[in-house]
Amino acid sequence: MTKPARVLAICADDFGLTPAISRGIAQLAQRGRLSAVSCLTNGSHWAGSAALLAELRPDLFVVVAYG
């Protein structure tokens, strides 16, 4: 009997908190190392970092929350 495959999902938090965090998360996502990204849309650096999301793979799950 074979064991079912295990799936590991990796989510990077705090995209938009600082430019360095956002660049690091974007680089990991571009390399296929992440399954999801959570975004701080009310973070002080969100507006300057949001454009980095346009370059991400289309199958990456992105959570955008405001509040």
Protein backbone atom coordinates (compact mmCIF):
# COMPACT_ATOMS: atom_id res chain seq x y z
CA MET A 1 0.00 0.00 0.00
CA THR A 2 1.41 3.39 -0.98
CA LYS A 3 1.20 6.39 1.30
CA PRO A 4 -0.67 9.44 0.01
CA ALA A 5 1.54 12.28 -1.18
CA ARG A 6 2.09 15.08 1.27
CA VAL A 7 1.60 18.65 0.18
CA LEU A 8 3.42 21.55 1.79
CA ALA A 9 2.08 25.05 1.25
CA ILE A 10 4.39 27.93 2.12
CA CYS A 11 2.93 31.41 2.62
CA ALA A 12 5.05 34.54 2.99
CA ASP A 13 3.43 37.16 5.20
CA ASP A 14 3.75 40.94 5.34
CA PHE A 15 4.23 41.87 1.67
CA GLY A 16 4.00 45.67 1.70
CA LEU A 17 5.45 46.15 5.19
CA THR A 18 8.88 47.31 3.95
CA PRO A 19 10.48 47.51 0.51
CA ALA A 20 13.08 44.87 1.47
CA ILE A 21 10.45 42.38 2.67
CA SER A 22 8.38 42.91 -0.47
CA ARG A 23 11.40 42.44 -2.76
CA GLY A 24 12.42 39.28 -0.90
CA ILE A 25 8.93 37.81 -1.11
CA ALA A 26 8.68 38.69 -4.81
CA GLN A 27 12.04 37.03 -5.50
CA LEU A 28 10.99 33.84 -3.68
CA ALA A 29 7.69 33.77 -5.56
CA GLN A 30 9.41 34.28 -8.92
CA ARG A 31 11.63 31.29 -8.14
CA GLY A 32 8.62 29.12 -7.37
CA ARG A 33 9.43 28.78 -3.66
CA LEU A 34 6.07 30.06 -2.36
CA SER A 35 2.51 28.82 -2.54
CA ALA A 36 0.90 32.04 -1.29
CA VAL A 37 1.59 35.63 -0.33
CA SER A 38 -0.33 37.72 2.19
CA CYS A 39 -0.35 41.45 1.58
CA LEU A 40 -0.58 44.36 3.99
CA THR A 41 -2.58 46.70 1.81
CA ASN A 42 -2.72 49.28 4.58
CA GLY A 43 1.05 49.04 5.14
CA SER A 44 3.14 52.13 4.58
CA HIS A 45 5.00 50.58 1.63
CA TRP A 46 2.10 48.83 -0.11
CA ALA A 47 1.70 51.43 -2.85
CA GLY A 48 5.38 51.28 -3.77
CA SER A 49 5.56 47.48 -3.68
CA ALA A 50 2.29 46.45 -5.32
CA ALA A 51 3.76 46.58 -8.83
CA LEU A 52 6.04 43.66 -7.91
CA LEU A 53 2.95 41.44 -7.77
CA ALA A 54 2.36 41.86 -11.51
CA GLU A 55 5.50 39.82 -12.15
CA LEU A 56 4.41 36.80 -10.08
CA ARG A 57 3.39 33.42 -11.48
CA PRO A 58 -0.33 33.25 -12.30
CA ASP A 59 -0.86 30.16 -10.12
CA LEU A 60 0.42 31.85 -6.96
CA PHE A 61 -2.33 32.47 -4.41
CA VAL A 62 -2.26 36.07 -3.19
CA VAL A 63 -4.29 37.22 -0.19
CA VAL A 64 -5.10 40.92 -0.14
CA ALA A 65 -6.73 42.09 3.08
CA TYR A 66 -7.70 45.52 4.23
CA GLY A 67 -8.58 46.39 7.77
